[in-house]
Amino acid sequence: MKKSVRLYIEGTVQDVFFRGFVKENAESYNLKGFVRNLEDGRVETFIEGDANDVNKMIEIVKKGPKHSQIKRVTIKPERFQDFKSFKVLHI
């Protein structure tokens, strides 16, 4: 079963290799979508793929990479978009 979610991650999540961390882990689970920094200091990521893998990825994002401090992860269900890859977007 396919699943799509949009995550908004708050805390110390910019300038700590967070986007690269998300991309690397998403690709290891064959997930598609994107990750980007937002101007307000949060990170947004859209993840889609197998529901079990998306759920695993949500747990990974909640922990974050070594130097991050995750305060809150807001999860919003989304319609499946059929992305072809996982990209790091730049504002």
PDB file of N, CA and C in Angstrom:
ATOM      1  N   MET A   1       0.836  -1.178   0.000  1.00  0.00           N
ATOM      2  CA  MET A   1       0.000   0.000   0.000  1.00  0.00           C
ATOM      3  C   MET A   1       0.886   1.247   0.000  1.00  0.00           C
ATOM      4  N   LYS A   2       0.539   2.204  -0.822  1.00  0.00           N
ATOM      5  CA  LYS A   2       1.309   3.448  -0.941  1.00  0.00           C
ATOM      6  C   LYS A   2       0.834   4.470   0.087  1.00  0.00           C
ATOM      7  N   LYS A   3       1.765   5.323   0.496  1.00  0.00           N
ATOM      8  CA  LYS A   3       1.456   6.361   1.473  1.00  0.00           C
ATOM      9  C   LYS A   3       2.262   7.605   1.132  1.00  0.00           C
ATOM     10  N   SER A   4       1.668   8.766   1.368  1.00  0.00           N
ATOM     11  CA  SER A   4       2.343  10.050   1.166  1.00  0.00           C
ATOM     12  C   SER A   4       2.102  10.931   2.374  1.00  0.00           C
ATOM     13  N   VAL A   5       3.165  11.590   2.846  1.00  0.00           N
ATOM     14  CA  VAL A   5       3.041  12.531   3.963  1.00  0.00           C
ATOM     15  C   VAL A   5       3.929  13.738   3.717  1.00  0.00           C
ATOM     16  N   ARG A   6       3.508  14.845   4.293  1.00  0.00           N
ATOM     17  CA  ARG A   6       4.326  16.059   4.329  1.00  0.00           C
ATOM     18  C   ARG A   6       4.693  16.269   5.784  1.00  0.00           C
ATOM     19  N   LEU A   7       5.980  16.469   6.048  1.00  0.00           N
ATOM     20  CA  LEU A   7       6.459  16.674   7.413  1.00  0.00           C
ATOM     21  C   LEU A   7       7.038  18.075   7.536  1.00  0.00           C
ATOM     22  N   TYR A   8       6.735  18.709   8.647  1.00  0.00           N
ATOM     23  CA  TYR A   8       7.359  19.983   9.007  1.00  0.00           C
ATOM     24  C   TYR A   8       8.149  19.725  10.280  1.00  0.00           C
ATOM     25  N   ILE A   9       9.474  19.901  10.193  1.00  0.00           N
ATOM     26  CA  ILE A   9      10.351  19.581  11.310  1.00  0.00           C
ATOM     27  C   ILE A   9      10.856  20.876  11.918  1.00  0.00           C
ATOM     28  N   GLU A  10      10.671  21.006  13.233  1.00  0.00           N
ATOM     29  CA  GLU A  10      11.097  22.203  13.954  1.00  0.00           C
ATOM     30  C   GLU A  10      12.196  21.852  14.947  1.00  0.00           C
ATOM     31  N   GLY A  11      13.069  22.806  15.183  1.00  0.00           N
ATOM     32  CA  GLY A  11      14.167  22.635  16.131  1.00  0.00           C
ATOM     33  C   GLY A  11      15.451  23.116  15.491  1.00  0.00           C
ATOM     34  N   THR A  12      16.577  22.535  15.899  1.00  0.00           N
ATOM     35  CA  THR A  12      17.861  22.837  15.281  1.00  0.00           C
ATOM     36  C   THR A  12      18.003  21.877  14.107  1.00  0.00           C
ATOM     37  N   VAL A  13      17.514  22.311  12.949  1.00  0.00           N
ATOM     38  CA  VAL A  13      17.452  21.419  11.796  1.00  0.00           C
ATOM     39  C   VAL A  13      18.065  22.022  10.529  1.00  0.00           C
ATOM     40  N   GLN A  14      18.544  23.244  10.612  1.00  0.00           N
ATOM     41  CA  GLN A  14      19.244  23.826   9.470  1.00  0.00           C
ATOM     42  C   GLN A  14      20.714  23.976   9.835  1.00  0.00           C
ATOM     43  N   ASP A  15      21.571  23.809   8.837  1.00  0.00           N
ATOM     44  CA  ASP A  15      23.027  23.876   9.003  1.00  0.00           C
ATOM     45  C   ASP A  15      23.579  22.728   9.848  1.00  0.00           C
ATOM     46  N   VAL A  16      22.887  21.588   9.856  1.00  0.00           N
ATOM     47  CA  VAL A  16      23.380  20.404  10.582  1.00  0.00           C
ATOM     48  C   VAL A  16      23.306  19.163   9.682  1.00  0.00           C
ATOM     49  N   PHE A  17      23.358  19.357   8.361  1.00  0.00           N
ATOM     50  CA  PHE A  17      23.300  18.283   7.376  1.00  0.00           C
ATOM     51  C   PHE A  17      21.964  17.545   7.417  1.00  0.00           C
ATOM     52  N   PHE A  18      20.898  18.229   7.843  1.00  0.00           N
ATOM     53  CA  PHE A  18      19.601  17.576   7.974  1.00  0.00           C
ATOM     54  C   PHE A  18      19.032  17.150   6.621  1.00  0.00           C
ATOM     55  N   ARG A  19      19.083  18.027   5.629  1.00  0.00           N
ATOM     56  CA  ARG A  19      18.523  17.680   4.316  1.00  0.00           C
ATOM     57  C   ARG A  19      19.250  16.491   3.700  1.00  0.00           C
ATOM     58  N   GLY A  20      20.567  16.481   3.806  1.00  0.00           N
ATOM     59  CA  GLY A  20      21.337  15.346   3.283  1.00  0.00           C
ATOM     60  C   GLY A  20      21.013  14.057   4.019  1.00  0.00           C
ATOM     61  N   PHE A  21      20.827  14.166   5.319  1.00  0.00           N
ATOM     62  CA  PHE A  21      20.439  13.028   6.150  1.00  0.00           C
ATOM     63  C   PHE A  21      19.090  12.455   5.695  1.00  0.00           C
ATOM     64  N   VAL A  22      18.134  13.337   5.460  1.00  0.00           N
ATOM     65  CA  VAL A  22      16.806  12.903   5.016  1.00  0.00           C
ATOM     66  C   VAL A  22      16.911  12.246   3.642  1.00  0.00           C
ATOM     67  N   LYS A  23      17.627  12.877   2.724  1.00  0.00           N
ATOM     68  CA  LYS A  23      17.762  12.327   1.359  1.00  0.00           C
ATOM     69  C   LYS A  23      18.414  10.948   1.389  1.00  0.00           C
ATOM     70  N   GLU A  24      19.493  10.817   2.111  1.00  0.00           N
ATOM     71  CA  GLU A  24      20.211   9.543   2.192  1.00  0.00           C
ATOM     72  C   GLU A  24      19.313   8.428   2.732  1.00  0.00           C
ATOM     73  N   ASN A  25      18.588   8.711   3.804  1.00  0.00           N
ATOM     74  CA  ASN A  25      17.705   7.711   4.390  1.00  0.00           C
ATOM     75  C   ASN A  25      16.506   7.413   3.493  1.00  0.00           C
ATOM     76  N   ALA A  26      15.935   8.439   2.871  1.00  0.00           N
ATOM     77  CA  ALA A  26      14.801   8.225   1.972  1.00  0.00           C
ATOM     78  C   ALA A  26      15.205   7.314   0.816  1.00  0.00           C
ATOM     79  N   GLU A  27      16.364   7.571   0.247  1.00  0.00           N
ATOM     80  CA  GLU A  27      16.817   6.752  -0.872  1.00  0.00           C
ATOM     81  C   GLU A  27      17.096   5.314  -0.430  1.00  0.00           C
ATOM     82  N   SER A  28      17.559   5.121   0.798  1.00  0.00           N
ATOM     83  CA  SER A  28      17.824   3.759   1.280  1.00  0.00           C
ATOM     84  C   SER A  28      16.535   2.949   1.420  1.00  0.00           C
ATOM     85  N   TYR A  29      15.398   3.625   1.587  1.00  0.00           N
ATOM     86  CA  TYR A  29      14.090   2.963   1.668  1.00  0.00           C
ATOM     87  C   TYR A  29      13.306   3.065   0.358  1.00  0.00           C
ATOM     88  N   ASN A  30      13.978   3.558  -0.701  1.00  0.00           N
ATOM     89  CA  ASN A  30      13.350   3.711  -2.015  1.00  0.00           C
ATOM     90  C   ASN A  30      12.126   4.627  -1.958  1.00  0.00           C
ATOM     91  N   LEU A  31      12.217   5.677  -1.144  1.00  0.00           N
ATOM     92  CA  LEU A  31      11.138   6.654  -1.038  1.00  0.00           C
ATOM     93  C   LEU A  31      11.405   7.802  -1.998  1.00  0.00           C
ATOM     94  N   LYS A  32      10.356   8.462  -2.418  1.00  0.00           N
ATOM     95  CA  LYS A  32      10.445   9.576  -3.360  1.00  0.00           C
ATOM     96  C   LYS A  32       9.884  10.839  -2.714  1.00  0.00           C
ATOM     97  N   GLY A  33      10.233  11.999  -3.291  1.00  0.00           N
ATOM     98  CA  GLY A  33       9.711  13.259  -2.794  1.00  0.00           C
ATOM     99  C   GLY A  33      10.780  14.330  -2.764  1.00  0.00           C
ATOM    100  N   PHE A  34      10.765  15.143  -1.704  1.00  0.00           N
ATOM    101  CA  PHE A  34      11.744  16.225  -1.605  1.00  0.00           C
ATOM    102  C   PHE A  34      11.926  16.648  -0.154  1.00  0.00           C
ATOM    103  N   VAL A  35      12.995  17.411   0.063  1.00  0.00           N
ATOM    104  CA  VAL A  35      13.250  18.041   1.355  1.00  0.00           C
ATOM    105  C   VAL A  35      13.799  19.436   1.063  1.00  0.00           C
ATOM    106  N   ARG A  36      13.402  20.402   1.897  1.00  0.00           N
ATOM    107  CA  ARG A  36      13.919  21.761   1.714  1.00  0.00           C
ATOM    108  C   ARG A  36      13.853  22.532   3.022  1.00  0.00           C
ATOM    109  N   ASN A  37      14.751  23.507   3.143  1.00  0.00           N
ATOM    110  CA  ASN A  37      14.702  24.446   4.262  1.00  0.00           C
ATOM    111  C   ASN A  37      13.612  25.463   3.991  1.00  0.00           C
ATOM    112  N   LEU A  38      12.936  25.887   5.045  1.00  0.00           N
ATOM    113  CA  LEU A  38      11.961  26.970   4.936  1.00  0.00           C
ATOM    114  C   LEU A  38      12.550  28.227   5.559  1.00  0.00           C
ATOM    115  N   GLU A  39      12.068  29.366   5.129  1.00  0.00           N
ATOM    116  CA  GLU A  39      12.600  30.638   5.611  1.00  0.00           C
ATOM    117  C   GLU A  39      12.388  30.842   7.103  1.00  0.00           C
ATOM    118  N   ASP A  40      11.405  30.183   7.694  1.00  0.00           N
ATOM    119  CA  ASP A  40      11.133  30.357   9.127  1.00  0.00           C
ATOM    120  C   ASP A  40      11.986  29.441  10.014  1.00  0.00           C
ATOM    121  N   GLY A  41      12.941  28.718   9.424  1.00  0.00           N
ATOM    122  CA  GLY A  41      13.843  27.874  10.200  1.00  0.00           C
ATOM    123  C   GLY A  41      13.445  26.406  10.259  1.00  0.00           C
ATOM    124  N   ARG A  42      12.245  26.087   9.778  1.00  0.00           N
ATOM    125  CA  ARG A  42      11.827  24.686   9.750  1.00  0.00           C
ATOM    126  C   ARG A  42      12.366  24.005   8.493  1.00  0.00           C
ATOM    127  N   VAL A  43      12.259  22.686   8.486  1.00  0.00           N
ATOM    128  CA  VAL A  43      12.537  21.898   7.286  1.00  0.00           C
ATOM    129  C   VAL A  43      11.230  21.228   6.882  1.00  0.00           C
ATOM    130  N   GLU A  44      10.939  21.256   5.597  1.00  0.00           N
ATOM    131  CA  GLU A  44       9.754  20.585   5.053  1.00  0.00           C
ATOM    132  C   GLU A  44      10.228  19.410   4.215  1.00  0.00           C
ATOM    133  N   THR A  45       9.567  18.280   4.353  1.00  0.00           N
ATOM    134  CA  THR A  45       9.846  17.148   3.491  1.00  0.00           C
ATOM    135  C   THR A  45       8.544  16.476   3.080  1.00  0.00           C
ATOM    136  N   PHE A  46       8.506  16.055   1.837  1.00  0.00           N
ATOM    137  CA  PHE A  46       7.382  15.301   1.291  1.00  0.00           C
ATOM    138  C   PHE A  46       7.932  13.925   0.982  1.00  0.00           C
ATOM    139  N   ILE A  47       7.319  12.898   1.573  1.00  0.00           N
ATOM    140  CA  ILE A  47       7.817  11.533   1.430  1.00  0.00           C
ATOM    141  C   ILE A  47       6.681  10.648   0.962  1.00  0.00           C
ATOM    142  N   GLU A  48       6.963   9.824  -0.060  1.00  0.00           N
ATOM    143  CA  GLU A  48       5.953   8.867  -0.499  1.00  0.00           C
ATOM    144  C   GLU A  48       6.612   7.563  -0.913  1.00  0.00           C
ATOM    145  N   GLY A  49       5.845   6.494  -0.764  1.00  0.00           N
ATOM    146  CA  GLY A  49       6.319   5.167  -1.124  1.00  0.00           C
ATOM    147  C   GLY A  49       5.514   4.133  -0.369  1.00  0.00           C
ATOM    148  N   ASP A  50       6.124   2.967  -0.152  1.00  0.00           N
ATOM    149  CA  ASP A  50       5.480   1.908   0.602  1.00  0.00           C
ATOM    150  C   ASP A  50       5.150   2.403   2.013  1.00  0.00           C
ATOM    151  N   ALA A  51       3.943   2.138   2.481  1.00  0.00           N
ATOM    152  CA  ALA A  51       3.478   2.668   3.774  1.00  0.00           C
ATOM    153  C   ALA A  51       4.406   2.294   4.919  1.00  0.00           C
ATOM    154  N   ASN A  52       4.897   1.048   4.963  1.00  0.00           N
ATOM    155  CA  ASN A  52       5.803   0.640   6.048  1.00  0.00           C
ATOM    156  C   ASN A  52       7.098   1.437   6.015  1.00  0.00           C
ATOM    157  N   ASP A  53       7.631   1.664   4.816  1.00  0.00           N
ATOM    158  CA  ASP A  53       8.871   2.427   4.683  1.00  0.00           C
ATOM    159  C   ASP A  53       8.669   3.898   5.039  1.00  0.00           C
ATOM    160  N   VAL A  54       7.528   4.462   4.665  1.00  0.00           N
ATOM    161  CA  VAL A  54       7.219   5.851   5.039  1.00  0.00           C
ATOM    162  C   VAL A  54       7.147   5.964   6.564  1.00  0.00           C
ATOM    163  N   ASN A  55       6.517   5.004   7.210  1.00  0.00           N
ATOM    164  CA  ASN A  55       6.417   5.031   8.672  1.00  0.00           C
ATOM    165  C   ASN A  55       7.792   4.927   9.327  1.00  0.00           C
ATOM    166  N   LYS A  56       8.665   4.088   8.770  1.00  0.00           N
ATOM    167  CA  LYS A  56      10.036   3.979   9.292  1.00  0.00           C
ATOM    168  C   LYS A  56      10.766   5.313   9.129  1.00  0.00           C
ATOM    169  N   MET A  57      10.556   5.949   7.979  1.00  0.00           N
ATOM    170  CA  MET A  57      11.224   7.226   7.698  1.00  0.00           C
ATOM    171  C   MET A  57      10.752   8.316   8.656  1.00  0.00           C
ATOM    172  N   ILE A  58       9.483   8.307   8.997  1.00  0.00           N
ATOM    173  CA  ILE A  58       8.968   9.290   9.965  1.00  0.00           C
ATOM    174  C   ILE A  58       9.713   9.148  11.283  1.00  0.00           C
ATOM    175  N   GLU A  59       9.940   7.917  11.740  1.00  0.00           N
ATOM    176  CA  GLU A  59      10.665   7.688  12.994  1.00  0.00           C
ATOM    177  C   GLU A  59      12.112   8.152  12.886  1.00  0.00           C
ATOM    178  N   ILE A  60      12.743   7.943  11.743  1.00  0.00           N
ATOM    179  CA  ILE A  60      14.122   8.398  11.528  1.00  0.00           C
ATOM    180  C   ILE A  60      14.188   9.918  11.584  1.00  0.00           C
ATOM    181  N   VAL A  61      13.233  10.584  10.941  1.00  0.00           N
ATOM    182  CA  VAL A  61      13.202  12.050  10.928  1.00  0.00           C
ATOM    183  C   VAL A  61      13.009  12.593  12.346  1.00  0.00           C
ATOM    184  N   LYS A  62      12.209  11.926  13.154  1.00  0.00           N
ATOM    185  CA  LYS A  62      11.970  12.378  14.532  1.00  0.00           C
ATOM    186  C   LYS A  62      13.245  12.350  15.365  1.00  0.00           C
ATOM    187  N   LYS A  63      14.190  11.486  15.009  1.00  0.00           N
ATOM    188  CA  LYS A  63      15.477  11.413  15.725  1.00  0.00           C
ATOM    189  C   LYS A  63      16.494  12.387  15.141  1.00  0.00           C
ATOM    190  N   GLY A  64      16.516  12.496  13.807  1.00  0.00           N
ATOM    191  CA  GLY A  64      17.416  13.424  13.137  1.00  0.00           C
ATOM    192  C   GLY A  64      18.862  12.977  13.159  1.00  0.00           C
ATOM    193  N   PRO A  65      19.732  13.727  12.462  1.00  0.00           N
ATOM    194  CA  PRO A  65      21.157  13.422  12.473  1.00  0.00           C
ATOM    195  C   PRO A  65      21.805  13.874  13.784  1.00  0.00           C
ATOM    196  N   LYS A  66      23.043  13.550  13.934  1.00  0.00           N
ATOM    197  CA  LYS A  66      23.813  13.749  15.164  1.00  0.00           C
ATOM    198  C   LYS A  66      23.684  15.136  15.801  1.00  0.00           C
ATOM    199  N   HIS A  67      23.834  16.201  15.046  1.00  0.00           N
ATOM    200  CA  HIS A  67      23.881  17.548  15.633  1.00  0.00           C
ATOM    201  C   HIS A  67      22.537  18.284  15.627  1.00  0.00           C
ATOM    202  N   SER A  68      21.486  17.604  15.231  1.00  0.00           N
ATOM    203  CA  SER A  68      20.174  18.244  15.215  1.00  0.00           C
ATOM    204  C   SER A  68      19.491  18.084  16.571  1.00  0.00           C
ATOM    205  N   GLN A  69      18.522  18.949  16.809  1.00  0.00           N
ATOM    206  CA  GLN A  69      17.665  18.836  17.992  1.00  0.00           C
ATOM    207  C   GLN A  69      16.232  19.016  17.502  1.00  0.00           C
ATOM    208  N   ILE A  70      15.510  17.924  17.469  1.00  0.00           N
ATOM    209  CA  ILE A  70      14.144  17.948  16.963  1.00  0.00           C
ATOM    210  C   ILE A  70      13.195  18.321  18.095  1.00  0.00           C
ATOM    211  N   LYS A  71      12.462  19.403  17.907  1.00  0.00           N
ATOM    212  CA  LYS A  71      11.478  19.830  18.913  1.00  0.00           C
ATOM    213  C   LYS A  71      10.085  19.336  18.570  1.00  0.00           C
ATOM    214  N   ARG A  72       9.745  19.348  17.280  1.00  0.00           N
ATOM    215  CA  ARG A  72       8.392  18.952  16.873  1.00  0.00           C
ATOM    216  C   ARG A  72       8.410  18.514  15.416  1.00  0.00           C
ATOM    217  N   VAL A  73       7.641  17.462  15.121  1.00  0.00           N
ATOM    218  CA  VAL A  73       7.428  17.030  13.747  1.00  0.00           C
ATOM    219  C   VAL A  73       5.919  17.012  13.518  1.00  0.00           C
ATOM    220  N   THR A  74       5.469  17.860  12.608  1.00  0.00           N
ATOM    221  CA  THR A  74       4.052  17.907  12.242  1.00  0.00           C
ATOM    222  C   THR A  74       3.875  17.049  10.999  1.00  0.00           C
ATOM    223  N   ILE A  75       2.941  16.110  11.063  1.00  0.00           N
ATOM    224  CA  ILE A  75       2.712  15.160   9.972  1.00  0.00           C
ATOM    225  C   ILE A  75       1.360  15.443   9.334  1.00  0.00           C
ATOM    226  N   LYS A  76       1.372  15.649   8.020  1.00  0.00           N
ATOM    227  CA  LYS A  76       0.124  15.886   7.281  1.00  0.00           C
ATOM    228  C   LYS A  76      -0.006  14.853   6.168  1.00  0.00           C
ATOM    229  N   PRO A  77      -1.073  14.056   6.191  1.00  0.00           N
ATOM    230  CA  PRO A  77      -1.294  13.107   5.092  1.00  0.00           C
ATOM    231  C   PRO A  77      -1.469  13.872   3.778  1.00  0.00           C
ATOM    232  N   GLU A  78      -0.977  13.306   2.698  1.00  0.00           N
ATOM    233  CA  GLU A  78      -1.063  13.941   1.384  1.00  0.00           C
ATOM    234  C   GLU A  78      -1.553  12.942   0.352  1.00  0.00           C
ATOM    235  N   ARG A  79      -2.001  13.467  -0.764  1.00  0.00           N
ATOM    236  CA  ARG A  79      -2.375  12.641  -1.904  1.00  0.00           C
ATOM    237  C   ARG A  79      -1.099  12.154  -2.584  1.00  0.00           C
ATOM    238  N   PHE A  80      -1.082  10.912  -3.045  1.00  0.00           N
ATOM    239  CA  PHE A  80       0.086  10.341  -3.713  1.00  0.00           C
ATOM    240  C   PHE A  80       0.393  11.137  -4.980  1.00  0.00           C
ATOM    241  N   GLN A  81       1.638  11.576  -5.143  1.00  0.00           N
ATOM    242  CA  GLN A  81       2.029  12.435  -6.272  1.00  0.00           C
ATOM    243  C   GLN A  81       2.810  11.692  -7.356  1.00  0.00           C
ATOM    244  N   ASP A  82       3.310  10.499  -7.057  1.00  0.00           N
ATOM    245  CA  ASP A  82       4.104   9.698  -7.991  1.00  0.00           C
ATOM    246  C   ASP A  82       5.400  10.398  -8.403  1.00  0.00           C
ATOM    247  N   PHE A  83       6.134  10.914  -7.419  1.00  0.00           N
ATOM    248  CA  PHE A  83       7.465  11.469  -7.681  1.00  0.00           C
ATOM    249  C   PHE A  83       8.353  10.368  -8.237  1.00  0.00           C
ATOM    250  N   LYS A  84       9.330  10.744  -9.032  1.00  0.00           N
ATOM    251  CA  LYS A  84      10.234   9.772  -9.661  1.00  0.00           C
ATOM    252  C   LYS A  84      11.564   9.638  -8.924  1.00  0.00           C
ATOM    253  N   SER A  85      11.863  10.581  -8.027  1.00  0.00           N
ATOM    254  CA  SER A  85      13.136  10.547  -7.301  1.00  0.00           C
ATOM    255  C   SER A  85      12.962  11.310  -5.989  1.00  0.00           C
ATOM    256  N   PHE A  86      14.037  11.386  -5.222  1.00  0.00           N
ATOM    257  CA  PHE A  86      14.027  12.194  -4.004  1.00  0.00           C
ATOM    258  C   PHE A  86      15.049  13.302  -4.189  1.00  0.00           C
ATOM    259  N   LYS A  87      14.612  14.547  -4.021  1.00  0.00           N
ATOM    260  CA  LYS A  87      15.481  15.696  -4.287  1.00  0.00           C
ATOM    261  C   LYS A  87      15.602  16.615  -3.084  1.00  0.00           C
ATOM    262  N   VAL A  88      16.746  17.275  -3.006  1.00  0.00           N
ATOM    263  CA  VAL A  88      16.950  18.376  -2.077  1.00  0.00           C
ATOM    264  C   VAL A  88      16.658  19.653  -2.854  1.00  0.00           C
ATOM    265  N   LEU A  89      15.634  20.392  -2.410  1.00  0.00           N
ATOM    266  CA  LEU A  89      15.267  21.640  -3.087  1.00  0.00           C
ATOM    267  C   LEU A  89      15.911  22.814  -2.358  1.00  0.00           C
ATOM    268  N   HIS A  90      16.205  23.855  -3.108  1.00  0.00           N
ATOM    269  CA  HIS A  90      16.802  25.064  -2.538  1.00  0.00           C
ATOM    270  C   HIS A  90      15.880  26.237  -2.800  1.00  0.00           C
ATOM    271  N   ILE A  91      15.664  27.057  -1.773  1.00  0.00           N
ATOM    272  CA  ILE A  91      14.796  28.230  -1.911  1.00  0.00           C
ATOM    273  C   ILE A  91      15.569  29.330  -2.614  1.00  0.00           C
TER     274      ILE A  91
END
